[in-house]
Structures are given as C-alpha cells and as structure tokens.
Full PDB file with SEQRES, HELIX, SHEET, SSBOND, CRYST1, ORIGX, SCALE, CONECT and MASTER records, all heavy atoms in Angstrom:
SEQRES   1 A   43  ALA GLU CYS ILE ASN ARG LEU LEU ALA GLN ARG ALA LYS          
SEQRES   2 A   43  SER ASP MET TYR ALA THR LEU ASP ALA ILE LEU ILE ASP          
SEQRES   3 A   43  PRO GLU SER GLY THR ALA SER VAL ALA LYS LEU GLY ALA          
SEQRES   4 A   43  PRO PRO SER TYR                                              
HELIX    1 AA1 GLU A    2  ARG A   11  1                                  10    
SHEET    1 AA1 2 LEU A  20  ASP A  26  0                                        
SHEET    2 AA1 2 THR A  31  LEU A  37 -1                                        
CRYST1    1.000    1.000    1.000  90.00  90.00  90.00 P 1           1          
ORIGX1      1.000000  0.000000  0.000000        0.00000                         
ORIGX2      0.000000  1.000000  0.000000        0.00000                         
ORIGX3      0.000000  0.000000  1.000000        0.00000                         
SCALE1      1.000000  0.000000  0.000000        0.00000                         
SCALE2      0.000000  1.000000  0.000000        0.00000                         
SCALE3      0.000000  0.000000  1.000000        0.00000                         
ATOM      1  N   ALA A   1      19.536-255.046 -94.891  1.00  0.00           N  
ATOM      2  CA  ALA A   1      20.631-254.858 -93.939  1.00  0.00           C  
ATOM      3  C   ALA A   1      21.556-256.068 -93.935  1.00  0.00           C  
ATOM      4  O   ALA A   1      22.785-255.926 -93.925  1.00  0.00           O  
ATOM      5  CB  ALA A   1      20.068-254.616 -92.537  1.00  0.00           C  
ATOM      6  N   GLU A   2      20.980-257.266 -93.960  1.00  0.00           N  
ATOM      7  CA  GLU A   2      21.805-258.474 -93.951  1.00  0.00           C  
ATOM      8  C   GLU A   2      22.592-258.626 -95.254  1.00  0.00           C  
ATOM      9  O   GLU A   2      23.744-259.057 -95.246  1.00  0.00           O  
ATOM     10  CB  GLU A   2      20.936-259.691 -93.665  1.00  0.00           C  
ATOM     11  CG  GLU A   2      20.442-259.704 -92.230  1.00  0.00           C  
ATOM     12  CD  GLU A   2      19.431-260.798 -91.920  1.00  0.00           C  
ATOM     13  OE1 GLU A   2      19.050-261.556 -92.843  1.00  0.00           O  
ATOM     14  OE2 GLU A   2      19.018-260.893 -90.755  1.00  0.00           O  
ATOM     15  N   CYS A   3      21.990-258.253 -96.380  1.00  0.00           N  
ATOM     16  CA  CYS A   3      22.680-258.316 -97.666  1.00  0.00           C  
ATOM     17  C   CYS A   3      23.853-257.331 -97.706  1.00  0.00           C  
ATOM     18  O   CYS A   3      24.965-257.692 -98.114  1.00  0.00           O  
ATOM     19  CB  CYS A   3      21.688-258.015 -98.789  1.00  0.00           C  
ATOM     20  SG  CYS A   3      22.405-258.113-100.438  1.00  0.00           S  
ATOM     21  N   ILE A   4      23.617-256.111 -97.274  1.00  0.00           N  
ATOM     22  CA  ILE A   4      24.686-255.103 -97.229  1.00  0.00           C  
ATOM     23  C   ILE A   4      25.815-255.580 -96.326  1.00  0.00           C  
ATOM     24  O   ILE A   4      26.996-255.461 -96.651  1.00  0.00           O  
ATOM     25  CB  ILE A   4      24.139-253.738 -96.753  1.00  0.00           C  
ATOM     26  CG1 ILE A   4      23.195-253.154 -97.795  1.00  0.00           C  
ATOM     27  CG2 ILE A   4      25.273-252.770 -96.435  1.00  0.00           C  
ATOM     28  CD1 ILE A   4      22.372-251.987 -97.291  1.00  0.00           C  
ATOM     29  N   ASN A   5      25.451-256.146 -95.183  1.00  0.00           N  
ATOM     30  CA  ASN A   5      26.457-256.645 -94.245  1.00  0.00           C  
ATOM     31  C   ASN A   5      27.328-257.729 -94.884  1.00  0.00           C  
ATOM     32  O   ASN A   5      28.554-257.685 -94.792  1.00  0.00           O  
ATOM     33  CB  ASN A   5      25.766-257.193 -92.992  1.00  0.00           C  
ATOM     34  CG  ASN A   5      26.767-257.597 -91.947  1.00  0.00           C  
ATOM     35  OD1 ASN A   5      27.530-256.772 -91.473  1.00  0.00           O  
ATOM     36  ND2 ASN A   5      26.802-258.876 -91.613  1.00  0.00           N  
ATOM     37  N   ARG A   6      26.694-258.713 -95.534  1.00  0.00           N  
ATOM     38  CA  ARG A   6      27.456-259.794 -96.167  1.00  0.00           C  
ATOM     39  C   ARG A   6      28.363-259.268 -97.268  1.00  0.00           C  
ATOM     40  O   ARG A   6      29.523-259.678 -97.389  1.00  0.00           O  
ATOM     41  CB  ARG A   6      26.509-260.861 -96.720  1.00  0.00           C  
ATOM     42  CG  ARG A   6      25.953-261.783 -95.650  1.00  0.00           C  
ATOM     43  CD  ARG A   6      25.259-262.990 -96.253  1.00  0.00           C  
ATOM     44  NE  ARG A   6      24.192-262.643 -97.180  1.00  0.00           N  
ATOM     45  CZ  ARG A   6      22.935-262.396 -96.828  1.00  0.00           C  
ATOM     46  NH1 ARG A   6      22.580-262.460 -95.561  1.00  0.00           N  
ATOM     47  NH2 ARG A   6      22.027-262.095 -97.725  1.00  0.00           N  
ATOM     48  N   LEU A   7      27.847-258.358 -98.094  1.00  0.00           N  
ATOM     49  CA  LEU A   7      28.661-257.812 -99.185  1.00  0.00           C  
ATOM     50  C   LEU A   7      29.873-257.055 -98.662  1.00  0.00           C  
ATOM     51  O   LEU A   7      30.985-257.217 -99.169  1.00  0.00           O  
ATOM     52  CB  LEU A   7      27.815-256.902-100.074  1.00  0.00           C  
ATOM     53  CG  LEU A   7      26.790-257.594-100.960  1.00  0.00           C  
ATOM     54  CD1 LEU A   7      25.873-256.576-101.616  1.00  0.00           C  
ATOM     55  CD2 LEU A   7      27.482-258.444-102.011  1.00  0.00           C  
ATOM     56  N   LEU A   8      29.677-256.215 -97.668  1.00  0.00           N  
ATOM     57  CA  LEU A   8      30.803-255.468 -97.111  1.00  0.00           C  
ATOM     58  C   LEU A   8      31.816-256.400 -96.451  1.00  0.00           C  
ATOM     59  O   LEU A   8      33.022-256.213 -96.590  1.00  0.00           O  
ATOM     60  CB  LEU A   8      30.319-254.436 -96.095  1.00  0.00           C  
ATOM     61  CG  LEU A   8      29.878-253.095 -96.647  1.00  0.00           C  
ATOM     62  CD1 LEU A   8      29.376-252.195 -95.532  1.00  0.00           C  
ATOM     63  CD2 LEU A   8      31.000-252.408 -97.402  1.00  0.00           C  
ATOM     64  N   ALA A   9      31.324-257.403 -95.731  1.00  0.00           N  
ATOM     65  CA  ALA A   9      32.238-258.330 -95.052  1.00  0.00           C  
ATOM     66  C   ALA A   9      33.071-259.116 -96.052  1.00  0.00           C  
ATOM     67  O   ALA A   9      34.249-259.390 -95.811  1.00  0.00           O  
ATOM     68  CB  ALA A   9      31.439-259.272 -94.154  1.00  0.00           C  
ATOM     69  N   GLN A  10      32.484-259.489 -97.179  1.00  0.00           N  
ATOM     70  CA  GLN A  10      33.210-260.256 -98.198  1.00  0.00           C  
ATOM     71  C   GLN A  10      34.224-259.403 -98.944  1.00  0.00           C  
ATOM     72  O   GLN A  10      35.275-259.884 -99.327  1.00  0.00           O  
ATOM     73  CB  GLN A  10      32.233-260.869 -99.198  1.00  0.00           C  
ATOM     74  CG  GLN A  10      31.422-261.994 -98.623  1.00  0.00           C  
ATOM     75  CD  GLN A  10      30.357-262.473 -99.589  1.00  0.00           C  
ATOM     76  OE1 GLN A  10      30.189-261.937-100.674  1.00  0.00           O  
ATOM     77  NE2 GLN A  10      29.617-263.486 -99.171  1.00  0.00           N  
ATOM     78  N   ARG A  11      33.914-258.147 -99.158  1.00  0.00           N  
ATOM     79  CA  ARG A  11      34.785-257.273 -99.949  1.00  0.00           C  
ATOM     80  C   ARG A  11      35.883-256.633 -99.120  1.00  0.00           C  
ATOM     81  O   ARG A  11      36.861-256.148 -99.670  1.00  0.00           O  
ATOM     82  CB  ARG A  11      33.964-256.184-100.623  1.00  0.00           C  
ATOM     83  CG  ARG A  11      33.006-256.730-101.661  1.00  0.00           C  
ATOM     84  CD  ARG A  11      32.254-255.602-102.321  1.00  0.00           C  
ATOM     85  NE  ARG A  11      33.164-254.641-102.900  1.00  0.00           N  
ATOM     86  CZ  ARG A  11      33.422-254.519-104.194  1.00  0.00           C  
ATOM     87  NH1 ARG A  11      32.826-255.308-105.048  1.00  0.00           N  
ATOM     88  NH2 ARG A  11      34.256-253.610-104.638  1.00  0.00           N  
ATOM     89  N   ALA A  12      35.723-256.609 -97.824  1.00  0.00           N  
ATOM     90  CA  ALA A  12      36.676-255.895 -96.966  1.00  0.00           C  
ATOM     91  C   ALA A  12      38.023-256.613 -96.929  1.00  0.00           C  
ATOM     92  O   ALA A  12      38.096-257.787 -96.631  1.00  0.00           O  
ATOM     93  CB  ALA A  12      36.109-255.768 -95.558  1.00  0.00           C  
ATOM     94  N   LYS A  13      39.055-255.882 -97.263  1.00  0.00           N  
ATOM     95  CA  LYS A  13      40.406-256.425 -97.197  1.00  0.00           C  
ATOM     96  C   LYS A  13      41.106-255.946 -95.925  1.00  0.00           C  
ATOM     97  O   LYS A  13      42.191-256.366 -95.614  1.00  0.00           O  
ATOM     98  CB  LYS A  13      41.183-256.010 -98.431  1.00  0.00           C  
ATOM     99  CG  LYS A  13      40.525-256.490 -99.719  1.00  0.00           C  
ATOM    100  CD  LYS A  13      41.532-256.654-100.804  1.00  0.00           C  
ATOM    101  CE  LYS A  13      40.988-257.082-102.126  1.00  0.00           C  
ATOM    102  NZ  LYS A  13      39.805-257.821-102.210  1.00  0.00           N  
ATOM    103  N   SER A  14      40.469-255.071 -95.228  1.00  0.00           N  
ATOM    104  CA  SER A  14      40.994-254.564 -93.966  1.00  0.00           C  
ATOM    105  C   SER A  14      39.811-254.382 -93.012  1.00  0.00           C  
ATOM    106  O   SER A  14      38.786-254.992 -93.190  1.00  0.00           O  
ATOM    107  CB  SER A  14      41.725-253.237 -94.203  1.00  0.00           C  
ATOM    108  OG  SER A  14      40.821-252.270 -94.680  1.00  0.00           O  
ATOM    109  N   ASP A  15      39.980-253.546 -92.054  1.00  0.00           N  
ATOM    110  CA  ASP A  15      38.918-253.289 -91.083  1.00  0.00           C  
ATOM    111  C   ASP A  15      37.918-252.273 -91.614  1.00  0.00           C  
ATOM    112  O   ASP A  15      37.655-251.252 -90.990  1.00  0.00           O  
ATOM    113  CB  ASP A  15      39.514-252.798 -89.764  1.00  0.00           C  
ATOM    114  CG  ASP A  15      40.282-253.880 -89.055  1.00  0.00           C  
ATOM    115  OD1 ASP A  15      40.012-255.057 -89.334  1.00  0.00           O  
ATOM    116  OD2 ASP A  15      41.138-253.547 -88.222  1.00  0.00           O  
ATOM    117  N   MET A  16      37.344-252.547 -92.778  1.00  0.00           N  
ATOM    118  CA  MET A  16      36.376-251.633 -93.381  1.00  0.00           C  
ATOM    119  C   MET A  16      34.973-251.992 -92.901  1.00  0.00           C  
ATOM    120  O   MET A  16      34.600-253.153 -92.916  1.00  0.00           O  
ATOM    121  CB  MET A  16      36.432-251.732 -94.896  1.00  0.00           C  
ATOM    122  CG  MET A  16      35.565-250.702 -95.583  1.00  0.00           C  
ATOM    123  SD  MET A  16      35.784-250.806 -97.369  1.00  0.00           S  
ATOM    124  CE  MET A  16      34.225-251.513 -97.823  1.00  0.00           C  
ATOM    125  N   TYR A  17      34.247-251.010 -92.465  1.00  0.00           N  
ATOM    126  CA  TYR A  17      32.868-251.215 -92.051  1.00  0.00           C  
ATOM    127  C   TYR A  17      32.108-249.909 -92.234  1.00  0.00           C  
ATOM    128  O   TYR A  17      32.689-248.880 -92.569  1.00  0.00           O  
ATOM    129  CB  TYR A  17      32.785-251.705 -90.603  1.00  0.00           C  
ATOM    130  CG  TYR A  17      33.350-250.729 -89.598  1.00  0.00           C  
ATOM    131  CD1 TYR A  17      32.544-249.760 -89.035  1.00  0.00           C  
ATOM    132  CD2 TYR A  17      34.687-250.781 -89.222  1.00  0.00           C  
ATOM    133  CE1 TYR A  17      33.051-248.855 -88.120  1.00  0.00           C  
ATOM    134  CE2 TYR A  17      35.199-249.884 -88.317  1.00  0.00           C  
ATOM    135  CZ  TYR A  17      34.379-248.926 -87.758  1.00  0.00           C  
ATOM    136  OH  TYR A  17      34.879-248.040 -86.864  1.00  0.00           O  
ATOM    137  N   ALA A  18      30.822-249.962 -92.035  1.00  0.00           N  
ATOM    138  CA  ALA A  18      29.985-248.771 -92.172  1.00  0.00           C  
ATOM    139  C   ALA A  18      28.866-248.825 -91.142  1.00  0.00           C  
ATOM    140  O   ALA A  18      28.569-249.876 -90.583  1.00  0.00           O  
ATOM    141  CB  ALA A  18      29.384-248.711 -93.577  1.00  0.00           C  
ATOM    142  N   THR A  19      28.258-247.688 -90.898  1.00  0.00           N  
ATOM    143  CA  THR A  19      27.085-247.651 -90.036  1.00  0.00           C  
ATOM    144  C   THR A  19      25.839-247.587 -90.908  1.00  0.00           C  
ATOM    145  O   THR A  19      25.899-247.139 -92.056  1.00  0.00           O  
ATOM    146  CB  THR A  19      27.113-246.439 -89.083  1.00  0.00           C  
ATOM    147  OG1 THR A  19      27.116-245.242 -89.851  1.00  0.00           O  
ATOM    148  CG2 THR A  19      28.337-246.482 -88.184  1.00  0.00           C  
ATOM    149  N   LEU A  20      24.746-248.056 -90.352  1.00  0.00           N  
ATOM    150  CA  LEU A  20      23.469-248.028 -91.059  1.00  0.00           C  
ATOM    151  C   LEU A  20      22.424-247.494 -90.100  1.00  0.00           C  
ATOM    152  O   LEU A  20      22.319-247.951 -88.966  1.00  0.00           O  
ATOM    153  CB  LEU A  20      23.075-249.424 -91.540  1.00  0.00           C  
ATOM    154  CG  LEU A  20      21.701-249.553 -92.191  1.00  0.00           C  
ATOM    155  CD1 LEU A  20      21.669-248.821 -93.527  1.00  0.00           C  
ATOM    156  CD2 LEU A  20      21.341-251.005 -92.384  1.00  0.00           C  
ATOM    157  N   ASP A  21      21.677-246.517 -90.549  1.00  0.00           N  
ATOM    158  CA  ASP A  21      20.641-245.889 -89.733  1.00  0.00           C  
ATOM    159  C   ASP A  21      19.412-245.739 -90.611  1.00  0.00           C  
ATOM    160  O   ASP A  21      19.412-244.950 -91.551  1.00  0.00           O  
ATOM    161  CB  ASP A  21      21.149-244.519 -89.281  1.00  0.00           C  
ATOM    162  CG  ASP A  21      20.381-243.945 -88.118  1.00  0.00           C  
ATOM    163  OD1 ASP A  21      19.266-244.425 -87.830  1.00  0.00           O  
ATOM    164  OD2 ASP A  21      20.899-243.007 -87.493  1.00  0.00           O  
ATOM    165  N   ALA A  22      18.380-246.539 -90.338  1.00  0.00           N  
ATOM    166  CA  ALA A  22      17.192-246.520 -91.186  1.00  0.00           C  
ATOM    167  C   ALA A  22      15.935-246.604 -90.334  1.00  0.00           C  
ATOM    168  O   ALA A  22      15.942-247.201 -89.255  1.00  0.00           O  
ATOM    169  CB  ALA A  22      17.221-247.683 -92.167  1.00  0.00           C  
ATOM    170  N   ILE A  23      14.872-246.016 -90.845  1.00  0.00           N  
ATOM    171  CA  ILE A  23      13.581-246.097 -90.180  1.00  0.00           C  
ATOM    172  C   ILE A  23      12.511-246.274 -91.254  1.00  0.00           C  
ATOM    173  O   ILE A  23      12.547-245.621 -92.294  1.00  0.00           O  
ATOM    174  CB  ILE A  23      13.305-244.860 -89.293  1.00  0.00           C  
ATOM    175  CG1 ILE A  23      12.010-245.036 -88.507  1.00  0.00           C  
ATOM    176  CG2 ILE A  23      13.266-243.594 -90.113  1.00  0.00           C  
ATOM    177  CD1 ILE A  23      11.863-244.031 -87.384  1.00  0.00           C  
ATOM    178  N   LEU A  24      11.610-247.198 -91.011  1.00  0.00           N  
ATOM    179  CA  LEU A  24      10.513-247.478 -91.924  1.00  0.00           C  
ATOM    180  C   LEU A  24       9.222-247.204 -91.163  1.00  0.00           C  
ATOM    181  O   LEU A  24       8.936-247.861 -90.167  1.00  0.00           O  
ATOM    182  CB  LEU A  24      10.570-248.933 -92.388  1.00  0.00           C  
ATOM    183  CG  LEU A  24       9.509-249.385 -93.375  1.00  0.00           C  
ATOM    184  CD1 LEU A  24       9.621-248.610 -94.685  1.00  0.00           C  
ATOM    185  CD2 LEU A  24       9.657-250.868 -93.640  1.00  0.00           C  
ATOM    186  N   ILE A  25       8.463-246.207 -91.623  1.00  0.00           N  
ATOM    187  CA  ILE A  25       7.250-245.778 -90.925  1.00  0.00           C  
ATOM    188  C   ILE A  25       6.015-246.242 -91.681  1.00  0.00           C  
ATOM    189  O   ILE A  25       5.903-246.024 -92.890  1.00  0.00           O  
ATOM    190  CB  ILE A  25       7.228-244.244 -90.758  1.00  0.00           C  
ATOM    191  CG1 ILE A  25       8.447-243.792 -89.947  1.00  0.00           C  
ATOM    192  CG2 ILE A  25       5.932-243.790 -90.101  1.00  0.00           C  
ATOM    193  CD1 ILE A  25       8.623-242.293 -89.877  1.00  0.00           C  
ATOM    194  N   ASP A  26       5.102-246.876 -90.962  1.00  0.00           N  
ATOM    195  CA  ASP A  26       3.800-247.262 -91.512  1.00  0.00           C  
ATOM    196  C   ASP A  26       2.815-246.164 -91.128  1.00  0.00           C  
ATOM    197  O   ASP A  26       2.417-246.062 -89.961  1.00  0.00           O  
ATOM    198  CB  ASP A  26       3.357-248.610 -90.939  1.00  0.00           C  
ATOM    199  CG  ASP A  26       2.026-249.073 -91.499  1.00  0.00           C  
ATOM    200  OD1 ASP A  26       1.262-248.239 -92.044  1.00  0.00           O  
ATOM    201  OD2 ASP A  26       1.737-250.275 -91.380  1.00  0.00           O  
ATOM    202  N   PRO A  27       2.417-245.310 -92.085  1.00  0.00           N  
ATOM    203  CA  PRO A  27       1.552-244.182 -91.752  1.00  0.00           C  
ATOM    204  C   PRO A  27       0.151-244.596 -91.301  1.00  0.00           C  
ATOM    205  O   PRO A  27      -0.512-243.841 -90.593  1.00  0.00           O  
ATOM    206  CB  PRO A  27       1.496-243.353 -93.039  1.00  0.00           C  
ATOM    207  CG  PRO A  27       1.903-244.283 -94.124  1.00  0.00           C  
ATOM    208  CD  PRO A  27       2.777-245.323 -93.504  1.00  0.00           C  
ATOM    209  N   GLU A  28      -0.287-245.777 -91.690  1.00  0.00           N  
ATOM    210  CA  GLU A  28      -1.622-246.220 -91.276  1.00  0.00           C  
ATOM    211  C   GLU A  28      -1.672-246.637 -89.813  1.00  0.00           C  
ATOM    212  O   GLU A  28      -2.595-246.292 -89.093  1.00  0.00           O  
ATOM    213  CB  GLU A  28      -2.099-247.353 -92.169  1.00  0.00           C  
ATOM    214  CG  GLU A  28      -2.436-246.881 -93.574  1.00  0.00           C  
ATOM    215  CD  GLU A  28      -3.055-247.972 -94.421  1.00  0.00           C  
ATOM    216  OE1 GLU A  28      -3.644-248.915 -93.852  1.00  0.00           O  
ATOM    217  OE2 GLU A  28      -2.943-247.878 -95.645  1.00  0.00           O  
ATOM    218  N   SER A  29      -0.659-247.403 -89.375  1.00  0.00           N  
ATOM    219  CA  SER A  29      -0.664-247.885 -87.994  1.00  0.00           C  
ATOM    220  C   SER A  29       0.112-246.965 -87.041  1.00  0.00           C  
ATOM    221  O   SER A  29      -0.048-247.049 -85.825  1.00  0.00           O  
ATOM    222  CB  SER A  29      -0.065-249.287 -87.916  1.00  0.00           C  
ATOM    223  OG  SER A  29       1.312-249.256 -88.226  1.00  0.00           O  
ATOM    224  N   GLY A  30       0.991-246.125 -87.599  1.00  0.00           N  
ATOM    225  CA  GLY A  30       1.808-245.250 -86.771  1.00  0.00           C  
ATOM    226  C   GLY A  30       3.006-245.952 -86.159  1.00  0.00           C  
ATOM    227  O   GLY A  30       3.661-245.401 -85.283  1.00  0.00           O  
ATOM    228  N   THR A  31       3.317-247.161 -86.630  1.00  0.00           N  
ATOM    229  CA  THR A  31       4.490-247.860 -86.106  1.00  0.00           C  
ATOM    230  C   THR A  31       5.715-247.521 -86.946  1.00  0.00           C  
ATOM    231  O   THR A  31       5.621-247.245 -88.135  1.00  0.00           O  
ATOM    232  CB  THR A  31       4.294-249.391 -86.099  1.00  0.00           C  
ATOM    233  OG1 THR A  31       4.036-249.835 -87.436  1.00  0.00           O  
ATOM    234  CG2 THR A  31       3.168-249.801 -85.179  1.00  0.00           C  
ATOM    235  N   ALA A  32       6.848-247.549 -86.284  1.00  0.00           N  
ATOM    236  CA  ALA A  32       8.119-247.288 -86.951  1.00  0.00           C  
ATOM    237  C   ALA A  32       9.069-248.423 -86.622  1.00  0.00           C  
ATOM    238  O   ALA A  32       9.247-248.768 -85.453  1.00  0.00           O  
ATOM    239  CB  ALA A  32       8.708-245.962 -86.498  1.00  0.00           C  
ATOM    240  N   SER A  33       9.668-249.025 -87.649  1.00  0.00           N  
ATOM    241  CA  SER A  33      10.704-250.044 -87.471  1.00  0.00           C  
ATOM    242  C   SER A  33      12.048-249.341 -87.610  1.00  0.00           C  
ATOM    243  O   SER A  33      12.304-248.678 -88.621  1.00  0.00           O  
ATOM    244  CB  SER A  33      10.572-251.149 -88.520  1.00  0.00           C  
ATOM    245  OG  SER A  33       9.354-251.815 -88.361  1.00  0.00           O  
ATOM    246  N   VAL A  34      12.882-249.500 -86.620  1.00  0.00           N  
ATOM    247  CA  VAL A  34      14.155-248.787 -86.559  1.00  0.00           C  
ATOM    248  C   VAL A  34      15.306-249.784 -86.680  1.00  0.00           C  
ATOM    249  O   VAL A  34      15.331-250.785 -85.967  1.00  0.00           O  
ATOM    250  CB  VAL A  34      14.277-248.015 -85.228  1.00  0.00           C  
ATOM    251  CG1 VAL A  34      15.592-247.273 -85.146  1.00  0.00           C  
ATOM    252  CG2 VAL A  34      13.099-247.063 -85.057  1.00  0.00           C  
ATOM    253  N   ALA A  35      16.227-249.493 -87.595  1.00  0.00           N  
ATOM    254  CA  ALA A  35      17.448-250.282 -87.752  1.00  0.00           C  
ATOM    255  C   ALA A  35      18.629-249.359 -87.522  1.00  0.00           C  
ATOM    256  O   ALA A  35      18.763-248.343 -88.199  1.00  0.00           O  
ATOM    257  CB  ALA A  35      17.524-250.880 -89.151  1.00  0.00           C  
ATOM    258  N   LYS A  36      19.443-249.704 -86.558  1.00  0.00           N  
ATOM    259  CA  LYS A  36      20.628-248.905 -86.254  1.00  0.00           C  
ATOM    260  C   LYS A  36      21.780-249.874 -86.071  1.00  0.00           C  
ATOM    261  O   LYS A  36      21.864-250.553 -85.071  1.00  0.00           O  
ATOM    262  CB  LYS A  36      20.396-248.079 -85.001  1.00  0.00           C  
ATOM    263  CG  LYS A  36      19.168-247.172 -85.132  1.00  0.00           C  
ATOM    264  CD  LYS A  36      19.004-246.250 -83.974  1.00  0.00           C  
ATOM    265  CE  LYS A  36      19.968-245.104 -83.981  1.00  0.00           C  
ATOM    266  NZ  LYS A  36      19.992-244.253 -85.145  1.00  0.00           N  
ATOM    267  N   LEU A  37      22.636-249.959 -87.054  1.00  0.00           N  
ATOM    268  CA  LEU A  37      23.784-250.870 -86.994  1.00  0.00           C  
ATOM    269  C   LEU A  37      25.052-250.041 -86.861  1.00  0.00           C  
ATOM    270  O   LEU A  37      25.525-249.449 -87.831  1.00  0.00           O  
ATOM    271  CB  LEU A  37      23.829-251.764 -88.241  1.00  0.00           C  
ATOM    272  CG  LEU A  37      22.716-252.814 -88.278  1.00  0.00           C  
ATOM    273  CD1 LEU A  37      21.483-252.261 -88.935  1.00  0.00           C  
ATOM    274  CD2 LEU A  37      23.188-254.044 -88.981  1.00  0.00           C  
ATOM    275  N   GLY A  38      25.555-249.960 -85.660  1.00  0.00           N  
ATOM    276  CA  GLY A  38      26.746-249.172 -85.392  1.00  0.00           C  
ATOM    277  C   GLY A  38      26.489-247.678 -85.376  1.00  0.00           C  
ATOM    278  O   GLY A  38      27.420-246.893 -85.281  1.00  0.00           O  
ATOM    279  N   ALA A  39      25.253-247.269 -85.472  1.00  0.00           N  
ATOM    280  CA  ALA A  39      24.907-245.848 -85.525  1.00  0.00           C  
ATOM    281  C   ALA A  39      24.539-245.339 -84.127  1.00  0.00           C  
ATOM    282  O   ALA A  39      24.013-246.085 -83.310  1.00  0.00           O  
ATOM    283  CB  ALA A  39      23.728-245.628 -86.470  1.00  0.00           C  
ATOM    284  N   PRO A  40      24.819-244.066 -83.864  1.00  0.00           N  
ATOM    285  CA  PRO A  40      24.435-243.496 -82.567  1.00  0.00           C  
ATOM    286  C   PRO A  40      22.910-243.405 -82.456  1.00  0.00           C  
ATOM    287  O   PRO A  40      22.202-243.515 -83.458  1.00  0.00           O  
ATOM    288  CB  PRO A  40      25.078-242.106 -82.583  1.00  0.00           C  
ATOM    289  CG  PRO A  40      25.272-241.787 -84.013  1.00  0.00           C  
ATOM    290  CD  PRO A  40      25.478-243.092 -84.723  1.00  0.00           C  
ATOM    291  N   PRO A  41      22.397-243.204 -81.262  1.00  0.00           N  
ATOM    292  CA  PRO A  41      20.944-243.135 -81.077  1.00  0.00           C  
ATOM    293  C   PRO A  41      20.302-242.011 -81.886  1.00  0.00           C  
ATOM    294  O   PRO A  41      20.924-240.989 -82.157  1.00  0.00           O  
ATOM    295  CB  PRO A  41      20.771-242.862 -79.582  1.00  0.00           C  
ATOM    296  CG  PRO A  41      22.062-243.205 -78.949  1.00  0.00           C  
ATOM    297  CD  PRO A  41      23.116-243.028 -80.002  1.00  0.00           C  
ATOM    298  N   SER A  42      19.061-242.227 -82.245  1.00  0.00           N  
ATOM    299  CA  SER A  42      18.205-241.174 -82.783  1.00  0.00           C  
ATOM    300  C   SER A  42      17.217-240.836 -81.673  1.00  0.00           C  
ATOM    301  O   SER A  42      17.155-241.528 -80.658  1.00  0.00           O  
ATOM    302  CB  SER A  42      17.446-241.673 -84.019  1.00  0.00           C  
ATOM    303  OG  SER A  42      18.340-241.985 -85.056  1.00  0.00           O  
ATOM    304  N   TYR A  43      16.445-239.795 -81.889  1.00  0.00           N  
ATOM    305  CA  TYR A  43      15.529-239.369 -80.829  1.00  0.00           C  
ATOM    306  C   TYR A  43      14.155-239.053 -81.386  1.00  0.00           C  
ATOM    307  O   TYR A  43      14.013-238.612 -82.527  1.00  0.00           O  
ATOM    308  CB  TYR A  43      16.092-238.138 -80.110  1.00  0.00           C  
ATOM    309  CG  TYR A  43      17.393-238.440 -79.416  1.00  0.00           C  
ATOM    310  CD1 TYR A  43      18.600-238.219 -80.052  1.00  0.00           C  
ATOM    311  CD2 TYR A  43      17.394-238.985 -78.143  1.00  0.00           C  
ATOM    312  CE1 TYR A  43      19.796-238.530 -79.428  1.00  0.00           C  
ATOM    313  CE2 TYR A  43      18.588-239.292 -77.506  1.00  0.00           C  
ATOM    314  CZ  TYR A  43      19.786-239.061 -78.156  1.00  0.00           C  
ATOM    315  OH  TYR A  43      20.956-239.381 -77.542  1.00  0.00           O  
TER     316      TYR A  43                                                      
MASTER        0    0    0    1    2    0    0    6  315    1    0    4          
END                                                                             
C-alpha cells in the first residue's frame, strides 16, 4: 500500500488518486487484516 501510494504521488501531474480496498485473511487463526484507503466501508 505504501509503495503504490508513493508511486502514484510521484507520477501524478494533477489531482490523480485511487482507492484501495484489500483484505488478507489468515484461515488458521480466523483473523482478517483490512486495508481501506479512500474506499467506502465493507461489511
């Protein structure tokens, strides 16, 4: 996420941005890490 952010910020010549919505699930522990950058809520 931080790499994508830096690349987009460096390449943007105007107000270009994007949203990021990702979830990483560990099936053994049942935990989910959620990344939502500018994205609406998930449920």
